[in-house]
Amino acid sequence: DYWNKFEHVRVAASLDANHARGEFL
């Protein structure tokens, strides 16, 4: 809802791995 009120939004997702590896880290 907030992001739709701004013209320029850049989201960097801190995800290091997928599935069980991601949940571990």
mmCIF file of all heavy atoms, coordinates in Angstrom:
data_MODEL
# 
_entry.id   MODEL 
# 
loop_
_atom_site.group_PDB 
_atom_site.id 
_atom_site.type_symbol 
_atom_site.label_atom_id 
_atom_site.label_alt_id 
_atom_site.label_comp_id 
_atom_site.label_asym_id 
_atom_site.label_entity_id 
_atom_site.label_seq_id 
_atom_site.pdbx_PDB_ins_code 
_atom_site.Cartn_x 
_atom_site.Cartn_y 
_atom_site.Cartn_z 
_atom_site.occupancy 
_atom_site.B_iso_or_equiv 
_atom_site.pdbx_formal_charge 
_atom_site.auth_seq_id 
_atom_site.auth_comp_id 
_atom_site.auth_asym_id 
_atom_site.auth_atom_id 
_atom_site.pdbx_PDB_model_num 
ATOM 1   N N   . ASP A 1 1  ? 0.836  -1.206  0.000   1.00 0.00 ? 1  ASP A N   1 
ATOM 2   C CA  . ASP A 1 1  ? 0.000  0.000   0.000   1.00 0.00 ? 1  ASP A CA  1 
ATOM 3   C C   . ASP A 1 1  ? 0.869  1.253   0.000   1.00 0.00 ? 1  ASP A C   1 
ATOM 4   O O   . ASP A 1 1  ? 0.586  2.226   -0.726  1.00 0.00 ? 1  ASP A O   1 
ATOM 5   C CB  . ASP A 1 1  ? -0.915 0.023   1.230   1.00 0.00 ? 1  ASP A CB  1 
ATOM 6   C CG  . ASP A 1 1  ? -1.922 -1.115  1.255   1.00 0.00 ? 1  ASP A CG  1 
ATOM 7   O OD1 . ASP A 1 1  ? -2.353 -1.551  0.165   1.00 0.00 ? 1  ASP A OD1 1 
ATOM 8   O OD2 . ASP A 1 1  ? -2.271 -1.575  2.362   1.00 0.00 ? 1  ASP A OD2 1 
ATOM 9   N N   . TYR A 1 2  ? 1.910  1.254   0.814   1.00 0.00 ? 2  TYR A N   1 
ATOM 10  C CA  . TYR A 1 2  ? 2.813  2.410   0.873   1.00 0.00 ? 2  TYR A CA  1 
ATOM 11  C C   . TYR A 1 2  ? 3.604  2.565   -0.416  1.00 0.00 ? 2  TYR A C   1 
ATOM 12  O O   . TYR A 1 2  ? 3.751  3.677   -0.948  1.00 0.00 ? 2  TYR A O   1 
ATOM 13  C CB  . TYR A 1 2  ? 3.765  2.272   2.065   1.00 0.00 ? 2  TYR A CB  1 
ATOM 14  C CG  . TYR A 1 2  ? 3.166  2.706   3.383   1.00 0.00 ? 2  TYR A CG  1 
ATOM 15  C CD1 . TYR A 1 2  ? 2.504  1.797   4.201   1.00 0.00 ? 2  TYR A CD1 1 
ATOM 16  C CD2 . TYR A 1 2  ? 3.254  4.027   3.812   1.00 0.00 ? 2  TYR A CD2 1 
ATOM 17  C CE1 . TYR A 1 2  ? 1.954  2.195   5.420   1.00 0.00 ? 2  TYR A CE1 1 
ATOM 18  C CE2 . TYR A 1 2  ? 2.713  4.435   5.025   1.00 0.00 ? 2  TYR A CE2 1 
ATOM 19  C CZ  . TYR A 1 2  ? 2.054  3.515   5.819   1.00 0.00 ? 2  TYR A CZ  1 
ATOM 20  O OH  . TYR A 1 2  ? 1.501  3.911   7.014   1.00 0.00 ? 2  TYR A OH  1 
ATOM 21  N N   . TRP A 1 3  ? 4.152  1.480   -0.920  1.00 0.00 ? 3  TRP A N   1 
ATOM 22  C CA  . TRP A 1 3  ? 5.005  1.568   -2.102  1.00 0.00 ? 3  TRP A CA  1 
ATOM 23  C C   . TRP A 1 3  ? 4.253  2.110   -3.313  1.00 0.00 ? 3  TRP A C   1 
ATOM 24  O O   . TRP A 1 3  ? 4.843  2.776   -4.161  1.00 0.00 ? 3  TRP A O   1 
ATOM 25  C CB  . TRP A 1 3  ? 5.607  0.195   -2.411  1.00 0.00 ? 3  TRP A CB  1 
ATOM 26  C CG  . TRP A 1 3  ? 6.570  -0.261  -1.348  1.00 0.00 ? 3  TRP A CG  1 
ATOM 27  C CD1 . TRP A 1 3  ? 7.178  0.513   -0.404  1.00 0.00 ? 3  TRP A CD1 1 
ATOM 28  C CD2 . TRP A 1 3  ? 7.024  -1.588  -1.109  1.00 0.00 ? 3  TRP A CD2 1 
ATOM 29  N NE1 . TRP A 1 3  ? 7.987  -0.241  0.407   1.00 0.00 ? 3  TRP A NE1 1 
ATOM 30  C CE2 . TRP A 1 3  ? 7.907  -1.546  0.005   1.00 0.00 ? 3  TRP A CE2 1 
ATOM 31  C CE3 . TRP A 1 3  ? 6.776  -2.824  -1.712  1.00 0.00 ? 3  TRP A CE3 1 
ATOM 32  C CZ2 . TRP A 1 3  ? 8.551  -2.678  0.503   1.00 0.00 ? 3  TRP A CZ2 1 
ATOM 33  C CZ3 . TRP A 1 3  ? 7.402  -3.952  -1.210  1.00 0.00 ? 3  TRP A CZ3 1 
ATOM 34  C CH2 . TRP A 1 3  ? 8.277  -3.882  -0.111  1.00 0.00 ? 3  TRP A CH2 1 
ATOM 35  N N   . ASN A 1 4  ? 2.966  1.861   -3.363  1.00 0.00 ? 4  ASN A N   1 
ATOM 36  C CA  . ASN A 1 4  ? 2.182  2.366   -4.488  1.00 0.00 ? 4  ASN A CA  1 
ATOM 37  C C   . ASN A 1 4  ? 1.978  3.873   -4.441  1.00 0.00 ? 4  ASN A C   1 
ATOM 38  O O   . ASN A 1 4  ? 1.463  4.458   -5.397  1.00 0.00 ? 4  ASN A O   1 
ATOM 39  C CB  . ASN A 1 4  ? 0.829  1.650   -4.549  1.00 0.00 ? 4  ASN A CB  1 
ATOM 40  C CG  . ASN A 1 4  ? 0.940  0.279   -5.189  1.00 0.00 ? 4  ASN A CG  1 
ATOM 41  O OD1 . ASN A 1 4  ? 1.771  0.056   -6.074  1.00 0.00 ? 4  ASN A OD1 1 
ATOM 42  N ND2 . ASN A 1 4  ? 0.130  -0.664  -4.745  1.00 0.00 ? 4  ASN A ND2 1 
ATOM 43  N N   . LYS A 1 5  ? 2.385  4.530   -3.355  1.00 0.00 ? 5  LYS A N   1 
ATOM 44  C CA  . LYS A 1 5  ? 2.277  5.982   -3.247  1.00 0.00 ? 5  LYS A CA  1 
ATOM 45  C C   . LYS A 1 5  ? 3.575  6.699   -3.618  1.00 0.00 ? 5  LYS A C   1 
ATOM 46  O O   . LYS A 1 5  ? 3.640  7.933   -3.576  1.00 0.00 ? 5  LYS A O   1 
ATOM 47  C CB  . LYS A 1 5  ? 1.859  6.373   -1.825  1.00 0.00 ? 5  LYS A CB  1 
ATOM 48  C CG  . LYS A 1 5  ? 0.462  5.876   -1.448  1.00 0.00 ? 5  LYS A CG  1 
ATOM 49  C CD  . LYS A 1 5  ? 0.072  6.329   -0.057  1.00 0.00 ? 5  LYS A CD  1 
ATOM 50  C CE  . LYS A 1 5  ? -1.284 5.762   0.353   1.00 0.00 ? 5  LYS A CE  1 
ATOM 51  N NZ  . LYS A 1 5  ? -2.396 6.231   -0.504  1.00 0.00 ? 5  LYS A NZ  1 
ATOM 52  N N   . PHE A 1 6  ? 4.608  5.930   -3.967  1.00 0.00 ? 6  PHE A N   1 
ATOM 53  C CA  . PHE A 1 6  ? 5.888  6.523   -4.330  1.00 0.00 ? 6  PHE A CA  1 
ATOM 54  C C   . PHE A 1 6  ? 6.277  6.115   -5.749  1.00 0.00 ? 6  PHE A C   1 
ATOM 55  O O   . PHE A 1 6  ? 5.975  5.016   -6.201  1.00 0.00 ? 6  PHE A O   1 
ATOM 56  C CB  . PHE A 1 6  ? 6.968  6.111   -3.324  1.00 0.00 ? 6  PHE A CB  1 
ATOM 57  C CG  . PHE A 1 6  ? 6.789  6.747   -1.974  1.00 0.00 ? 6  PHE A CG  1 
ATOM 58  C CD1 . PHE A 1 6  ? 5.965  6.176   -1.010  1.00 0.00 ? 6  PHE A CD1 1 
ATOM 59  C CD2 . PHE A 1 6  ? 7.419  7.946   -1.675  1.00 0.00 ? 6  PHE A CD2 1 
ATOM 60  C CE1 . PHE A 1 6  ? 5.784  6.768   0.223   1.00 0.00 ? 6  PHE A CE1 1 
ATOM 61  C CE2 . PHE A 1 6  ? 7.252  8.553   -0.432  1.00 0.00 ? 6  PHE A CE2 1 
ATOM 62  C CZ  . PHE A 1 6  ? 6.425  7.969   0.515   1.00 0.00 ? 6  PHE A CZ  1 
ATOM 63  N N   . GLU A 1 7  ? 6.968  7.034   -6.429  1.00 0.00 ? 7  GLU A N   1 
ATOM 64  C CA  . GLU A 1 7  ? 7.297  6.823   -7.844  1.00 0.00 ? 7  GLU A CA  1 
ATOM 65  C C   . GLU A 1 7  ? 8.450  5.853   -8.042  1.00 0.00 ? 7  GLU A C   1 
ATOM 66  O O   . GLU A 1 7  ? 8.480  5.120   -9.036  1.00 0.00 ? 7  GLU A O   1 
ATOM 67  C CB  . GLU A 1 7  ? 7.646  8.174   -8.485  1.00 0.00 ? 7  GLU A CB  1 
ATOM 68  C CG  . GLU A 1 7  ? 6.510  9.179   -8.462  1.00 0.00 ? 7  GLU A CG  1 
ATOM 69  C CD  . GLU A 1 7  ? 6.971  10.574  -8.846  1.00 0.00 ? 7  GLU A CD  1 
ATOM 70  O OE1 . GLU A 1 7  ? 8.123  10.708  -9.356  1.00 0.00 ? 7  GLU A OE1 1 
ATOM 71  O OE2 . GLU A 1 7  ? 6.218  11.537  -8.621  1.00 0.00 ? 7  GLU A OE2 1 
ATOM 72  N N   . HIS A 1 8  ? 9.409  5.883   -7.136  1.00 0.00 ? 8  HIS A N   1 
ATOM 73  C CA  . HIS A 1 8  ? 10.629 5.097   -7.310  1.00 0.00 ? 8  HIS A CA  1 
ATOM 74  C C   . HIS A 1 8  ? 10.862 4.236   -6.068  1.00 0.00 ? 8  HIS A C   1 
ATOM 75  O O   . HIS A 1 8  ? 11.218 4.762   -5.006  1.00 0.00 ? 8  HIS A O   1 
ATOM 76  C CB  . HIS A 1 8  ? 11.838 6.003   -7.539  1.00 0.00 ? 8  HIS A CB  1 
ATOM 77  C CG  . HIS A 1 8  ? 11.656 7.000   -8.637  1.00 0.00 ? 8  HIS A CG  1 
ATOM 78  N ND1 . HIS A 1 8  ? 11.721 6.648   -9.960  1.00 0.00 ? 8  HIS A ND1 1 
ATOM 79  C CD2 . HIS A 1 8  ? 11.383 8.331   -8.598  1.00 0.00 ? 8  HIS A CD2 1 
ATOM 80  C CE1 . HIS A 1 8  ? 11.516 7.722   -10.700 1.00 0.00 ? 8  HIS A CE1 1 
ATOM 81  N NE2 . HIS A 1 8  ? 11.308 8.755   -9.908  1.00 0.00 ? 8  HIS A NE2 1 
ATOM 82  N N   . VAL A 1 9  ? 10.675 2.949   -6.209  1.00 0.00 ? 9  VAL A N   1 
ATOM 83  C CA  . VAL A 1 9  ? 10.886 2.030   -5.099  1.00 0.00 ? 9  VAL A CA  1 
ATOM 84  C C   . VAL A 1 9  ? 11.746 0.870   -5.592  1.00 0.00 ? 9  VAL A C   1 
ATOM 85  O O   . VAL A 1 9  ? 11.473 0.290   -6.646  1.00 0.00 ? 9  VAL A O   1 
ATOM 86  C CB  . VAL A 1 9  ? 9.558  1.478   -4.534  1.00 0.00 ? 9  VAL A CB  1 
ATOM 87  C CG1 . VAL A 1 9  ? 9.828  0.602   -3.306  1.00 0.00 ? 9  VAL A CG1 1 
ATOM 88  C CG2 . VAL A 1 9  ? 8.599  2.610   -4.190  1.00 0.00 ? 9  VAL A CG2 1 
ATOM 89  N N   . ARG A 1 10 ? 12.760 0.584   -4.816  1.00 0.00 ? 10 ARG A N   1 
ATOM 90  C CA  . ARG A 1 10 ? 13.674 -0.503  -5.160  1.00 0.00 ? 10 ARG A CA  1 
ATOM 91  C C   . ARG A 1 10 ? 13.778 -1.413  -3.939  1.00 0.00 ? 10 ARG A C   1 
ATOM 92  O O   . ARG A 1 10 ? 14.171 -0.965  -2.863  1.00 0.00 ? 10 ARG A O   1 
ATOM 93  C CB  . ARG A 1 10 ? 15.046 0.067   -5.518  1.00 0.00 ? 10 ARG A CB  1 
ATOM 94  C CG  . ARG A 1 10 ? 16.071 -0.929  -6.020  1.00 0.00 ? 10 ARG A CG  1 
ATOM 95  C CD  . ARG A 1 10 ? 17.403 -0.227  -6.259  1.00 0.00 ? 10 ARG A CD  1 
ATOM 96  N NE  . ARG A 1 10 ? 18.368 -1.089  -6.898  1.00 0.00 ? 10 ARG A NE  1 
ATOM 97  C CZ  . ARG A 1 10 ? 18.723 -1.008  -8.166  1.00 0.00 ? 10 ARG A CZ  1 
ATOM 98  N NH1 . ARG A 1 10 ? 18.196 -0.069  -8.939  1.00 0.00 ? 10 ARG A NH1 1 
ATOM 99  N NH2 . ARG A 1 10 ? 19.600 -1.842  -8.695  1.00 0.00 ? 10 ARG A NH2 1 
ATOM 100 N N   . VAL A 1 11 ? 13.417 -2.668  -4.109  1.00 0.00 ? 11 VAL A N   1 
ATOM 101 C CA  . VAL A 1 11 ? 13.403 -3.610  -2.994  1.00 0.00 ? 11 VAL A CA  1 
ATOM 102 C C   . VAL A 1 11 ? 14.465 -4.676  -3.218  1.00 0.00 ? 11 VAL A C   1 
ATOM 103 O O   . VAL A 1 11 ? 14.426 -5.404  -4.220  1.00 0.00 ? 11 VAL A O   1 
ATOM 104 C CB  . VAL A 1 11 ? 12.015 -4.261  -2.841  1.00 0.00 ? 11 VAL A CB  1 
ATOM 105 C CG1 . VAL A 1 11 ? 12.049 -5.339  -1.761  1.00 0.00 ? 11 VAL A CG1 1 
ATOM 106 C CG2 . VAL A 1 11 ? 10.973 -3.202  -2.512  1.00 0.00 ? 11 VAL A CG2 1 
ATOM 107 N N   . ALA A 1 12 ? 15.404 -4.739  -2.296  1.00 0.00 ? 12 ALA A N   1 
ATOM 108 C CA  . ALA A 1 12 ? 16.444 -5.763  -2.331  1.00 0.00 ? 12 ALA A CA  1 
ATOM 109 C C   . ALA A 1 12 ? 16.123 -6.791  -1.253  1.00 0.00 ? 12 ALA A C   1 
ATOM 110 O O   . ALA A 1 12 ? 16.101 -6.467  -0.067  1.00 0.00 ? 12 ALA A O   1 
ATOM 111 C CB  . ALA A 1 12 ? 17.814 -5.142  -2.093  1.00 0.00 ? 12 ALA A CB  1 
ATOM 112 N N   . ALA A 1 13 ? 15.846 -7.994  -1.676  1.00 0.00 ? 13 ALA A N   1 
ATOM 113 C CA  . ALA A 1 13 ? 15.490 -9.059  -0.739  1.00 0.00 ? 13 ALA A CA  1 
ATOM 114 C C   . ALA A 1 13 ? 16.747 -9.796  -0.306  1.00 0.00 ? 13 ALA A C   1 
ATOM 115 O O   . ALA A 1 13 ? 17.456 -10.383 -1.125  1.00 0.00 ? 13 ALA A O   1 
ATOM 116 C CB  . ALA A 1 13 ? 14.504 -10.020 -1.383  1.00 0.00 ? 13 ALA A CB  1 
ATOM 117 N N   . SER A 1 14 ? 17.013 -9.763  0.989   1.00 0.00 ? 14 SER A N   1 
ATOM 118 C CA  . SER A 1 14 ? 18.179 -10.453 1.555   1.00 0.00 ? 14 SER A CA  1 
ATOM 119 C C   . SER A 1 14 ? 17.850 -11.929 1.729   1.00 0.00 ? 14 SER A C   1 
ATOM 120 O O   . SER A 1 14 ? 17.500 -12.374 2.817   1.00 0.00 ? 14 SER A O   1 
ATOM 121 C CB  . SER A 1 14 ? 18.560 -9.844  2.901   1.00 0.00 ? 14 SER A CB  1 
ATOM 122 O OG  . SER A 1 14 ? 19.192 -8.616  2.722   1.00 0.00 ? 14 SER A OG  1 
ATOM 123 N N   . LEU A 1 15 ? 17.961 -12.638 0.653   1.00 0.00 ? 15 LEU A N   1 
ATOM 124 C CA  . LEU A 1 15 ? 17.715 -14.080 0.653   1.00 0.00 ? 15 LEU A CA  1 
ATOM 125 C C   . LEU A 1 15 ? 18.993 -14.746 0.166   1.00 0.00 ? 15 LEU A C   1 
ATOM 126 O O   . LEU A 1 15 ? 19.457 -14.472 -0.939  1.00 0.00 ? 15 LEU A O   1 
ATOM 127 C CB  . LEU A 1 15 ? 16.539 -14.419 -0.268  1.00 0.00 ? 15 LEU A CB  1 
ATOM 128 C CG  . LEU A 1 15 ? 15.219 -13.704 0.044   1.00 0.00 ? 15 LEU A CG  1 
ATOM 129 C CD1 . LEU A 1 15 ? 14.195 -13.971 -1.056  1.00 0.00 ? 15 LEU A CD1 1 
ATOM 130 C CD2 . LEU A 1 15 ? 14.679 -14.143 1.399   1.00 0.00 ? 15 LEU A CD2 1 
ATOM 131 N N   . ASP A 1 16 ? 19.547 -15.605 0.982   1.00 0.00 ? 16 ASP A N   1 
ATOM 132 C CA  . ASP A 1 16 ? 20.867 -16.162 0.686   1.00 0.00 ? 16 ASP A CA  1 
ATOM 133 C C   . ASP A 1 16 ? 20.813 -17.503 -0.024  1.00 0.00 ? 16 ASP A C   1 
ATOM 134 O O   . ASP A 1 16 ? 21.794 -17.923 -0.635  1.00 0.00 ? 16 ASP A O   1 
ATOM 135 C CB  . ASP A 1 16 ? 21.667 -16.323 1.983   1.00 0.00 ? 16 ASP A CB  1 
ATOM 136 C CG  . ASP A 1 16 ? 21.907 -14.991 2.666   1.00 0.00 ? 16 ASP A CG  1 
ATOM 137 O OD1 . ASP A 1 16 ? 21.963 -13.969 1.961   1.00 0.00 ? 16 ASP A OD1 1 
ATOM 138 O OD2 . ASP A 1 16 ? 22.023 -14.975 3.901   1.00 0.00 ? 16 ASP A OD2 1 
ATOM 139 N N   . ALA A 1 17 ? 19.700 -18.202 0.125   1.00 0.00 ? 17 ALA A N   1 
ATOM 140 C CA  . ALA A 1 17 ? 19.564 -19.537 -0.465  1.00 0.00 ? 17 ALA A CA  1 
ATOM 141 C C   . ALA A 1 17 ? 18.079 -19.874 -0.489  1.00 0.00 ? 17 ALA A C   1 
ATOM 142 O O   . ALA A 1 17 ? 17.249 -19.155 0.083   1.00 0.00 ? 17 ALA A O   1 
ATOM 143 C CB  . ALA A 1 17 ? 20.352 -20.572 0.340   1.00 0.00 ? 17 ALA A CB  1 
ATOM 144 N N   . ASN A 1 18 ? 17.730 -20.968 -1.151  1.00 0.00 ? 18 ASN A N   1 
ATOM 145 C CA  . ASN A 1 18 ? 16.326 -21.355 -1.265  1.00 0.00 ? 18 ASN A CA  1 
ATOM 146 C C   . ASN A 1 18 ? 16.003 -22.546 -0.362  1.00 0.00 ? 18 ASN A C   1 
ATOM 147 O O   . ASN A 1 18 ? 16.886 -23.262 0.109   1.00 0.00 ? 18 ASN A O   1 
ATOM 148 C CB  . ASN A 1 18 ? 15.966 -21.666 -2.723  1.00 0.00 ? 18 ASN A CB  1 
ATOM 149 C CG  . ASN A 1 18 ? 16.957 -22.608 -3.391  1.00 0.00 ? 18 ASN A CG  1 
ATOM 150 O OD1 . ASN A 1 18 ? 17.974 -22.990 -2.804  1.00 0.00 ? 18 ASN A OD1 1 
ATOM 151 N ND2 . ASN A 1 18 ? 16.667 -23.006 -4.625  1.00 0.00 ? 18 ASN A ND2 1 
ATOM 152 N N   . HIS A 1 19 ? 14.699 -22.708 -0.101  1.00 0.00 ? 19 HIS A N   1 
ATOM 153 C CA  . HIS A 1 19 ? 14.170 -23.859 0.636   1.00 0.00 ? 19 HIS A CA  1 
ATOM 154 C C   . HIS A 1 19 ? 14.844 -24.016 2.009   1.00 0.00 ? 19 HIS A C   1 
ATOM 155 O O   . HIS A 1 19 ? 14.995 -23.033 2.731   1.00 0.00 ? 19 HIS A O   1 
ATOM 156 C CB  . HIS A 1 19 ? 14.284 -25.117 -0.230  1.00 0.00 ? 19 HIS A CB  1 
ATOM 157 C CG  . HIS A 1 19 ? 13.649 -24.951 -1.575  1.00 0.00 ? 19 HIS A CG  1 
ATOM 158 N ND1 . HIS A 1 19 ? 12.279 -24.900 -1.763  1.00 0.00 ? 19 HIS A ND1 1 
ATOM 159 C CD2 . HIS A 1 19 ? 14.203 -24.781 -2.817  1.00 0.00 ? 19 HIS A CD2 1 
ATOM 160 C CE1 . HIS A 1 19 ? 12.015 -24.723 -3.062  1.00 0.00 ? 19 HIS A CE1 1 
ATOM 161 N NE2 . HIS A 1 19 ? 13.160 -24.641 -3.712  1.00 0.00 ? 19 HIS A NE2 1 
ATOM 162 N N   . ALA A 1 20 ? 15.220 -25.231 2.377   1.00 0.00 ? 20 ALA A N   1 
ATOM 163 C CA  . ALA A 1 20 ? 15.759 -25.487 3.718   1.00 0.00 ? 20 ALA A CA  1 
ATOM 164 C C   . ALA A 1 20 ? 17.061 -24.728 3.961   1.00 0.00 ? 20 ALA A C   1 
ATOM 165 O O   . ALA A 1 20 ? 17.343 -24.294 5.090   1.00 0.00 ? 20 ALA A O   1 
ATOM 166 C CB  . ALA A 1 20 ? 15.984 -26.985 3.911   1.00 0.00 ? 20 ALA A CB  1 
ATOM 167 N N   . ARG A 1 21 ? 17.868 -24.559 2.916   1.00 0.00 ? 21 ARG A N   1 
ATOM 168 C CA  . ARG A 1 21 ? 19.115 -23.807 3.086   1.00 0.00 ? 21 ARG A CA  1 
ATOM 169 C C   . ARG A 1 21 ? 18.809 -22.362 3.467   1.00 0.00 ? 21 ARG A C   1 
ATOM 170 O O   . ARG A 1 21 ? 19.463 -21.779 4.325   1.00 0.00 ? 21 ARG A O   1 
ATOM 171 C CB  . ARG A 1 21 ? 19.941 -23.871 1.802   1.00 0.00 ? 21 ARG A CB  1 
ATOM 172 C CG  . ARG A 1 21 ? 20.566 -25.227 1.499   1.00 0.00 ? 21 ARG A CG  1 
ATOM 173 C CD  . ARG A 1 21 ? 21.362 -25.164 0.189   1.00 0.00 ? 21 ARG A CD  1 
ATOM 174 N NE  . ARG A 1 21 ? 22.077 -26.401 -0.081  1.00 0.00 ? 21 ARG A NE  1 
ATOM 175 C CZ  . ARG A 1 21 ? 21.561 -27.450 -0.714  1.00 0.00 ? 21 ARG A CZ  1 
ATOM 176 N NH1 . ARG A 1 21 ? 20.284 -27.424 -1.127  1.00 0.00 ? 21 ARG A NH1 1 
ATOM 177 N NH2 . ARG A 1 21 ? 22.293 -28.540 -0.932  1.00 0.00 ? 21 ARG A NH2 1 
ATOM 178 N N   . GLY A 1 22 ? 17.832 -21.782 2.789   1.00 0.00 ? 22 GLY A N   1 
ATOM 179 C CA  . GLY A 1 22 ? 17.452 -20.407 3.117   1.00 0.00 ? 22 GLY A CA  1 
ATOM 180 C C   . GLY A 1 22 ? 16.926 -20.271 4.527   1.00 0.00 ? 22 GLY A C   1 
ATOM 181 O O   . GLY A 1 22 ? 17.247 -19.315 5.242   1.00 0.00 ? 22 GLY A O   1 
ATOM 182 N N   . GLU A 1 23 ? 16.101 -21.224 4.966   1.00 0.00 ? 23 GLU A N   1 
ATOM 183 C CA  . GLU A 1 23 ? 15.541 -21.186 6.315   1.00 0.00 ? 23 GLU A CA  1 
ATOM 184 C C   . GLU A 1 23 ? 16.616 -21.379 7.379   1.00 0.00 ? 23 GLU A C   1 
ATOM 185 O O   . GLU A 1 23 ? 16.524 -20.821 8.476   1.00 0.00 ? 23 GLU A O   1 
ATOM 186 C CB  . GLU A 1 23 ? 14.453 -22.247 6.450   1.00 0.00 ? 23 GLU A CB  1 
ATOM 187 C CG  . GLU A 1 23 ? 13.219 -21.945 5.598   1.00 0.00 ? 23 GLU A CG  1 
ATOM 188 C CD  . GLU A 1 23 ? 12.173 -23.039 5.649   1.00 0.00 ? 23 GLU A CD  1 
ATOM 189 O OE1 . GLU A 1 23 ? 12.518 -24.179 6.043   1.00 0.00 ? 23 GLU A OE1 1 
ATOM 190 O OE2 . GLU A 1 23 ? 11.014 -22.769 5.291   1.00 0.00 ? 23 GLU A OE2 1 
ATOM 191 N N   . PHE A 1 24 ? 17.640 -22.152 7.066   1.00 0.00 ? 24 PHE A N   1 
ATOM 192 C CA  . PHE A 1 24 ? 18.764 -22.355 7.997   1.00 0.00 ? 24 PHE A CA  1 
ATOM 193 C C   . PHE A 1 24 ? 19.550 -21.058 8.170   1.00 0.00 ? 24 PHE A C   1 
ATOM 194 O O   . PHE A 1 24 ? 19.870 -20.654 9.294   1.00 0.00 ? 24 PHE A O   1 
ATOM 195 C CB  . PHE A 1 24 ? 19.670 -23.467 7.469   1.00 0.00 ? 24 PHE A CB  1 
ATOM 196 C CG  . PHE A 1 24 ? 20.908 -23.716 8.290   1.00 0.00 ? 24 PHE A CG  1 
ATOM 197 C CD1 . PHE A 1 24 ? 20.905 -24.692 9.278   1.00 0.00 ? 24 PHE A CD1 1 
ATOM 198 C CD2 . PHE A 1 24 ? 22.080 -22.991 8.070   1.00 0.00 ? 24 PHE A CD2 1 
ATOM 199 C CE1 . PHE A 1 24 ? 22.059 -24.938 10.029  1.00 0.00 ? 24 PHE A CE1 1 
ATOM 200 C CE2 . PHE A 1 24 ? 23.222 -23.228 8.817   1.00 0.00 ? 24 PHE A CE2 1 
ATOM 201 C CZ  . PHE A 1 24 ? 23.215 -24.201 9.803   1.00 0.00 ? 24 PHE A CZ  1 
ATOM 202 N N   . LEU A 1 25 ? 19.878 -20.416 7.056   1.00 0.00 ? 25 LEU A N   1 
ATOM 203 C CA  . LEU A 1 25 ? 20.722 -19.227 7.119   1.00 0.00 ? 25 LEU A CA  1 
ATOM 204 C C   . LEU A 1 25 ? 19.977 -18.036 7.701   1.00 0.00 ? 25 LEU A C   1 
ATOM 205 O O   . LEU A 1 25 ? 20.587 -17.170 8.344   1.00 0.00 ? 25 LEU A O   1 
ATOM 206 C CB  . LEU A 1 25 ? 21.251 -18.876 5.722   1.00 0.00 ? 25 LEU A CB  1 
ATOM 207 C CG  . LEU A 1 25 ? 22.276 -19.860 5.160   1.00 0.00 ? 25 LEU A CG  1 
ATOM 208 C CD1 . LEU A 1 25 ? 22.647 -19.495 3.731   1.00 0.00 ? 25 LEU A CD1 1 
ATOM 209 C CD2 . LEU A 1 25 ? 23.523 -19.900 6.035   1.00 0.00 ? 25 LEU A CD2 1 
# 
